[in-house]
Structure formats: structure tokens, C-alpha cells
Protein backbone atom coordinates (compact mmCIF):
# COMPACT_ATOMS: atom_id res chain seq x y z
CA MET A 1 -2.46 12.45 -21.96
CA PRO A 2 -3.13 16.26 -22.64
CA GLY A 3 -1.89 18.66 -19.83
CA GLU A 4 0.25 15.95 -18.21
CA LEU A 5 3.69 17.09 -17.01
CA ARG A 6 6.45 15.63 -19.09
CA ILE A 7 9.76 15.03 -17.36
CA ASN A 8 12.95 14.02 -19.22
CA LYS A 9 15.41 11.61 -17.94
CA ALA A 10 18.10 14.23 -17.20
CA THR A 11 15.59 16.02 -14.85
CA GLU A 12 14.53 12.72 -13.29
CA ARG A 13 18.28 11.91 -12.56
CA ALA A 14 18.57 15.34 -10.91
CA ILE A 15 15.61 14.80 -8.65
CA ASN A 16 16.97 11.34 -7.67
CA ASP A 17 20.37 13.04 -6.77
CA LEU A 18 18.36 15.80 -4.75
CA PHE A 19 16.28 13.17 -2.81
CA ARG A 20 19.07 10.74 -2.38
CA SER A 21 16.35 8.13 -2.45
CA ARG A 22 15.02 6.68 -5.61
CA ALA A 23 11.61 5.73 -3.96
CA GLU A 24 11.23 9.22 -2.61
CA SER A 25 11.96 10.73 -6.12
CA GLN A 26 9.48 8.29 -7.64
CA ILE A 27 6.88 9.27 -5.25
CA TYR A 28 7.73 13.08 -5.64
CA LEU A 29 7.70 12.77 -9.59
CA PHE A 30 4.26 10.87 -9.56
CA LEU A 31 2.70 13.40 -7.34
CA LEU A 32 4.14 16.33 -9.49
CA ARG A 33 2.82 14.58 -12.64
CA LYS A 34 -0.67 13.82 -11.30
CA LYS A 35 -1.00 17.04 -9.25
CA GLY A 36 -1.95 15.05 -6.18
CA ALA A 37 -3.04 11.47 -5.32
CA ARG A 38 -4.04 9.17 -2.51
CA SER A 39 -1.53 6.57 -1.16
CA ILE A 40 -3.34 3.83 -2.91
CA ASP A 41 -2.98 5.61 -6.25
CA ILE A 42 0.80 6.17 -5.51
CA ILE A 43 1.30 2.52 -4.73
CA ARG A 44 -0.24 1.52 -8.03
CA GLY A 45 1.31 4.20 -10.06
CA THR A 46 4.94 3.65 -8.66
CA HIS A 47 4.80 -0.10 -8.18
CA LEU A 48 6.42 0.37 -4.77
CA HIS A 49 5.50 -1.86 -1.64
CA PRO A 50 2.52 -0.31 0.13
CA SER A 51 4.55 -0.13 3.48
CA THR A 52 7.37 1.62 1.80
CA VAL A 53 5.02 4.20 0.30
CA ARG A 54 3.22 4.91 3.47
CA GLU A 55 6.58 5.19 5.50
CA LEU A 56 8.01 7.49 2.95
CA LEU A 57 4.87 9.58 2.61
CA ALA A 58 5.06 10.14 6.45
CA ARG A 59 8.70 11.06 6.10
CA MET A 60 8.29 13.27 3.26
CA HIS A 61 5.39 15.15 4.91
CA THR A 62 7.47 15.66 8.08
CA ARG A 63 10.26 17.06 5.96
CA ARG A 64 7.74 19.39 4.08
CA MET A 65 8.60 17.86 0.80
CA ILE A 66 4.91 17.02 0.15
CA ILE A 67 1.58 18.44 1.44
CA ARG A 68 -1.18 16.16 2.56
CA GLU A 69 -4.93 17.12 2.93
CA LYS A 70 -7.65 15.12 4.51
CA GLN A 71 -10.35 14.06 2.07
CA LYS A 72 -13.94 13.78 3.12
CA ASN A 73 -15.39 10.50 2.41
CA ASP A 74 -19.19 9.36 2.63
CA HIS A 75 -18.15 5.75 3.54
CA ILE A 76 -17.60 4.25 6.79
CA GLY A 77 -13.92 4.26 7.87
CA LYS A 78 -10.83 6.53 7.71
CA ASN A 79 -10.91 9.48 5.50
CA PRO A 80 -8.00 9.22 3.12
CA TYR A 81 -5.24 11.80 2.57
CA LEU A 82 -4.64 13.48 -0.60
CA TYR A 83 -0.85 14.00 -1.12
CA ARG A 84 0.71 16.83 -3.30
CA ALA A 85 4.27 17.62 -4.16
CA ILE A 86 5.52 20.99 -3.22
CA PRO A 87 6.40 23.17 -6.09
CA PRO A 88 9.79 22.38 -7.70
CA LEU A 89 11.13 25.89 -6.97
CA ALA A 90 10.35 25.49 -3.24
CA LEU A 91 12.19 22.25 -3.21
CA LEU A 92 15.28 23.69 -4.92
CA LYS A 93 15.39 26.70 -2.60
CA ARG A 94 15.23 24.36 0.48
CA TYR A 95 17.97 22.22 -1.07
CA ALA A 96 20.08 25.28 -2.02
CA HIS A 97 19.93 26.56 1.59
CA GLU A 98 20.86 22.98 3.02
CA LEU A 99 23.91 22.97 0.54
CA GLU A 100 24.94 26.68 1.50
CA THR A 101 25.02 25.61 5.22
CA ARG A 102 27.15 22.45 4.43
CA LEU A 103 29.50 24.39 2.14
CA ASN A 104 29.95 27.10 4.84
CA HIS A 105 30.81 24.59 7.33
CA ILE A 106 33.50 23.16 5.06
CA ALA A 107 34.75 26.72 4.18
CA ALA A 108 35.10 27.46 8.05
CA LEU A 109 37.67 24.51 8.34
CA ASP A 110 40.25 26.48 6.27
CA SER A 111 43.07 26.97 8.91
CA THR A 112 45.41 28.73 6.15
CA ASP A 113 43.31 31.85 6.17
CA THR A 114 45.03 34.05 8.75
CA SER A 115 43.25 37.26 7.98
CA ASN A 116 40.06 36.19 10.01
CA ALA A 117 38.05 36.77 6.95
CA THR A 118 34.78 35.14 6.97
CA ILE A 119 33.89 33.15 3.98
CA ARG A 120 30.23 32.81 3.11
CA ILE A 121 29.00 30.84 0.23
CA GLN A 122 25.44 31.87 -1.06
CA ILE A 123 23.38 30.50 -3.87
CA GLN A 124 21.21 33.34 -5.35
CA GLU A 125 18.44 33.32 -7.81
CA GLY A 126 19.33 35.02 -11.02
CA ASP A 127 17.20 37.14 -13.45
CA THR A 128 16.36 35.55 -16.70
């Protein structure tokens, strides 16, 4: 399909590791490829159980890993949400910040450093 995002297996594995949940990474990748979808489309596209998809969409939205927008609908009933993945760089920055925090907590445990020097681990963006 022209214009569709292609993601290789190594990138998929890296995203799986980042999310620590295969189902969440499937949803994120689906949304990234499709540039947004309704929950019913996600269910059909990922083949995950409907209740799993709905629960994970709510959790991922709360954790700001996806964006949801209310869709207007001319039919009687609820207006569905359209879900979109946050940009991969925003996801990486968030993950890098969380990793920095955890690593700094571990570095602070070093009781062999008697100089009272503070160790601070920081991940920085590089120029390419």
C-alpha cells in the first residue's frame, strides 16, 4: 500500500521492549502505521480481544502514549474515539527520561564514593 509506514522486525522488537507489553506495542504499531483508528479497527487489525484493546487504550491514553479524539457521528448512540500514536521521538524522550531516573537512583546507592560527588546520568540528543 503506497504511503504506508514499513517497520522492520528489529524495530518491532525494540518497541516491544520499550512497552514491556506485546499487546500495547501491537496497538501502538497499528496506530502508527494507520495514522489513527477507532477501537473496532484496532480490534480487527491486531486480532486482540475487544476487552483487552479497550482496557489497553484507556491505560495508554492515561500514560499519554496515544492521543484520542472524539469523532462526530450522525447516528444515534455514542460518538466513537479516534486513537493516534504519539510520535516515536516523543515516546523515546519519555522513555529516556524514565531510564535516566532509574539509573540515577541506582548510581546514588554507591557507598564506595566517599568524595560526596554526585553522579548524574543523562541521555542527550546528538546532532546528525
